[in-house]
Amino acid sequence: MAIIEVVDNQYPDKEYTVNIEFPEFTCVCPKTGLPDFATIRIDYVPGQKLVELKSLKLYFVSYRNVGTFHEHVVNKILDDFVAACQPRKASIVGEFGVRGGIKTTVAASYPQ
């Protein structure tokens, strides 16, 4: 996976929310090898660091050929995101397109 880079938060004493949406997320179904398409939404309250957006985009794109279940990838994104920027709070929602007649939405948050 690509590395999620961070930059200093110039307002670490303020509590504010950052919303990020990536509507072009793709990974691969580990059972069929077919592509899965999703929108990944991140809401986070920064601490000392902010996520650098270009690196986040490259991180998301690095999943393009990875076989993974929806639940696993959303939790992995949350783990990597928290490790990178150490937010006060974060939530990740993956809204996956219909596959086999089923639409899946997975949400994970920090702290739990």
C-alpha atoms as a PDB file:
ATOM      1  CA  MET A   1       0.000   0.000   0.000  1.00  0.00           C
ATOM      2  CA  ALA A   2       1.031   3.559  -0.598  1.00  0.00           C
ATOM      3  CA  ILE A   3       1.940   5.631   2.468  1.00  0.00           C
ATOM      4  CA  ILE A   4      -0.522   8.171   3.906  1.00  0.00           C
ATOM      5  CA  GLU A   5       1.499  11.339   4.480  1.00  0.00           C
ATOM      6  CA  VAL A   6       0.648  14.072   6.972  1.00  0.00           C
ATOM      7  CA  VAL A   7       1.300  17.775   7.478  1.00  0.00           C
ATOM      8  CA  ASP A   8       1.251  19.897  10.624  1.00  0.00           C
ATOM      9  CA  ASN A   9      -2.142  21.160  11.751  1.00  0.00           C
ATOM     10  CA  GLN A  10      -1.857  24.932  12.149  1.00  0.00           C
ATOM     11  CA  TYR A  11      -4.905  24.916  14.461  1.00  0.00           C
ATOM     12  CA  PRO A  12      -4.326  21.946  16.795  1.00  0.00           C
ATOM     13  CA  ASP A  13      -6.140  23.617  19.693  1.00  0.00           C
ATOM     14  CA  LYS A  14      -9.401  23.968  17.740  1.00  0.00           C
ATOM     15  CA  GLU A  15     -11.837  21.103  17.404  1.00  0.00           C
ATOM     16  CA  TYR A  16     -13.107  21.037  13.838  1.00  0.00           C
ATOM     17  CA  THR A  17     -14.198  18.333  11.430  1.00  0.00           C
ATOM     18  CA  VAL A  18     -12.670  17.526   8.054  1.00  0.00           C
ATOM     19  CA  ASN A  19     -14.835  15.672   5.516  1.00  0.00           C
ATOM     20  CA  ILE A  20     -13.162  13.779   2.669  1.00  0.00           C
ATOM     21  CA  GLU A  21     -14.983  11.840  -0.052  1.00  0.00           C
ATOM     22  CA  PHE A  22     -13.364   9.566  -2.629  1.00  0.00           C
ATOM     23  CA  PRO A  23     -16.063   8.403  -5.091  1.00  0.00           C
ATOM     24  CA  GLU A  24     -13.692   6.390  -7.298  1.00  0.00           C
ATOM     25  CA  PHE A  25     -12.459   3.687  -4.907  1.00  0.00           C
ATOM     26  CA  THR A  26     -11.921   0.259  -6.453  1.00  0.00           C
ATOM     27  CA  CYS A  27     -10.722  -3.078  -5.166  1.00  0.00           C
ATOM     28  CA  VAL A  28     -11.261  -6.662  -6.294  1.00  0.00           C
ATOM     29  CA  CYS A  29     -13.599  -9.324  -4.948  1.00  0.00           C
ATOM     30  CA  PRO A  30     -11.362 -11.987  -3.373  1.00  0.00           C
ATOM     31  CA  LYS A  31     -13.774 -14.755  -4.435  1.00  0.00           C
ATOM     32  CA  THR A  32     -14.517 -13.858  -8.066  1.00  0.00           C
ATOM     33  CA  GLY A  33     -11.711 -11.478  -9.022  1.00  0.00           C
ATOM     34  CA  LEU A  34     -14.305  -9.000 -10.298  1.00  0.00           C
ATOM     35  CA  PRO A  35     -13.916  -5.298  -9.521  1.00  0.00           C
ATOM     36  CA  ASP A  36     -15.772  -3.656  -6.648  1.00  0.00           C
ATOM     37  CA  PHE A  37     -16.581   0.048  -6.808  1.00  0.00           C
ATOM     38  CA  ALA A  38     -17.196   2.249  -3.783  1.00  0.00           C
ATOM     39  CA  THR A  39     -17.347   5.719  -2.370  1.00  0.00           C
ATOM     40  CA  ILE A  40     -15.152   6.093   0.701  1.00  0.00           C
ATOM     41  CA  ARG A  41     -16.085   8.875   3.110  1.00  0.00           C
ATOM     42  CA  ILE A  42     -13.860  10.026   5.951  1.00  0.00           C
ATOM     43  CA  ASP A  43     -14.885  12.413   8.710  1.00  0.00           C
ATOM     44  CA  TYR A  44     -12.185  13.253  11.224  1.00  0.00           C
ATOM     45  CA  VAL A  45     -11.332  15.699  13.959  1.00  0.00           C
ATOM     46  CA  PRO A  46      -7.606  16.421  13.579  1.00  0.00           C
ATOM     47  CA  GLY A  47      -5.082  16.404  16.366  1.00  0.00           C
ATOM     48  CA  GLN A  48      -1.533  17.625  15.694  1.00  0.00           C
ATOM     49  CA  LYS A  49      -1.476  16.406  12.068  1.00  0.00           C
ATOM     50  CA  LEU A  50      -3.615  16.657   8.933  1.00  0.00           C
ATOM     51  CA  VAL A  51      -3.768  14.106   6.136  1.00  0.00           C
ATOM     52  CA  GLU A  52      -2.047  15.197   2.931  1.00  0.00           C
ATOM     53  CA  LEU A  53      -4.726  14.649   0.281  1.00  0.00           C
ATOM     54  CA  LYS A  54      -2.587  13.633  -2.701  1.00  0.00           C
ATOM     55  CA  SER A  55      -0.983  10.859  -0.657  1.00  0.00           C
ATOM     56  CA  LEU A  56      -4.452   9.738   0.484  1.00  0.00           C
ATOM     57  CA  LYS A  57      -5.573   9.540  -3.143  1.00  0.00           C
ATOM     58  CA  LEU A  58      -2.515   7.444  -4.032  1.00  0.00           C
ATOM     59  CA  TYR A  59      -3.199   5.241  -1.005  1.00  0.00           C
ATOM     60  CA  PHE A  60      -6.770   4.622  -2.214  1.00  0.00           C
ATOM     61  CA  VAL A  61      -5.615   3.909  -5.773  1.00  0.00           C
ATOM     62  CA  SER A  62      -3.144   1.313  -4.464  1.00  0.00           C
ATOM     63  CA  TYR A  63      -6.143  -0.919  -3.624  1.00  0.00           C
ATOM     64  CA  ARG A  64      -7.121  -1.194  -7.291  1.00  0.00           C
ATOM     65  CA  ASN A  65      -5.861  -4.769  -7.736  1.00  0.00           C
ATOM     66  CA  VAL A  66      -6.153  -5.955  -4.132  1.00  0.00           C
ATOM     67  CA  GLY A  67      -8.573  -8.785  -3.377  1.00  0.00           C
ATOM     68  CA  THR A  68     -10.352  -7.884  -0.147  1.00  0.00           C
ATOM     69  CA  PHE A  69     -13.732  -8.084   1.520  1.00  0.00           C
ATOM     70  CA  HIS A  70     -15.649  -4.838   2.065  1.00  0.00           C
ATOM     71  CA  GLU A  71     -15.551  -5.139   5.845  1.00  0.00           C
ATOM     72  CA  HIS A  72     -11.819  -5.774   5.861  1.00  0.00           C
ATOM     73  CA  VAL A  73     -10.874  -2.896   3.593  1.00  0.00           C
ATOM     74  CA  VAL A  74     -12.884  -0.294   5.547  1.00  0.00           C
ATOM     75  CA  ASN A  75     -11.289  -1.384   8.825  1.00  0.00           C
ATOM     76  CA  LYS A  76      -7.813  -1.465   7.232  1.00  0.00           C
ATOM     77  CA  ILE A  77      -8.295   2.076   5.895  1.00  0.00           C
ATOM     78  CA  LEU A  78      -9.334   3.228   9.387  1.00  0.00           C
ATOM     79  CA  ASP A  79      -6.301   1.546  10.995  1.00  0.00           C
ATOM     80  CA  ASP A  80      -3.884   3.069   8.470  1.00  0.00           C
ATOM     81  CA  PHE A  81      -5.539   6.494   8.675  1.00  0.00           C
ATOM     82  CA  VAL A  82      -5.379   6.583  12.492  1.00  0.00           C
ATOM     83  CA  ALA A  83      -1.769   5.374  12.512  1.00  0.00           C
ATOM     84  CA  ALA A  84      -0.794   8.102  10.048  1.00  0.00           C
ATOM     85  CA  CYS A  85      -2.451  11.203  11.522  1.00  0.00           C
ATOM     86  CA  GLN A  86      -3.475  10.302  15.096  1.00  0.00           C
ATOM     87  CA  PRO A  87      -6.854  12.116  14.929  1.00  0.00           C
ATOM     88  CA  ARG A  88      -8.983  12.928  17.951  1.00  0.00           C
ATOM     89  CA  LYS A  89     -11.879  11.123  16.248  1.00  0.00           C
ATOM     90  CA  ALA A  90     -12.380   9.479  12.865  1.00  0.00           C
ATOM     91  CA  SER A  91     -15.062   7.581  10.999  1.00  0.00           C
ATOM     92  CA  ILE A  92     -14.759   5.797   7.684  1.00  0.00           C
ATOM     93  CA  VAL A  93     -17.754   4.751   5.589  1.00  0.00           C
ATOM     94  CA  GLY A  94     -17.435   2.564   2.518  1.00  0.00           C
ATOM     95  CA  GLU A  95     -20.522   2.540   0.316  1.00  0.00           C
ATOM     96  CA  PHE A  96     -20.022  -0.270  -2.186  1.00  0.00           C
ATOM     97  CA  GLY A  97     -21.935  -0.579  -5.435  1.00  0.00           C
ATOM     98  CA  VAL A  98     -24.373  -3.383  -6.123  1.00  0.00           C
ATOM     99  CA  ARG A  99     -22.770  -6.747  -6.798  1.00  0.00           C
ATOM    100  CA  GLY A 100     -24.861  -9.880  -7.172  1.00  0.00           C
ATOM    101  CA  GLY A 101     -27.963  -7.891  -6.248  1.00  0.00           C
ATOM    102  CA  ILE A 102     -26.508  -6.776  -2.889  1.00  0.00           C
ATOM    103  CA  LYS A 103     -25.376  -3.295  -1.901  1.00  0.00           C
ATOM    104  CA  THR A 104     -23.027  -3.057   1.085  1.00  0.00           C
ATOM    105  CA  THR A 105     -22.245  -0.119   3.366  1.00  0.00           C
ATOM    106  CA  VAL A 106     -19.591  -0.567   6.056  1.00  0.00           C
ATOM    107  CA  ALA A 107     -18.791   2.003   8.770  1.00  0.00           C
ATOM    108  CA  ALA A 108     -15.953   1.975  11.296  1.00  0.00           C
ATOM    109  CA  SER A 109     -14.928   4.598  13.833  1.00  0.00           C
ATOM    110  CA  TYR A 110     -12.130   5.632  16.183  1.00  0.00           C
ATOM    111  CA  PRO A 111     -12.154   5.626  19.098  1.00  0.00           C
ATOM    112  CA  GLN A 112     -14.613   2.772  19.370  1.00  0.00           C
END
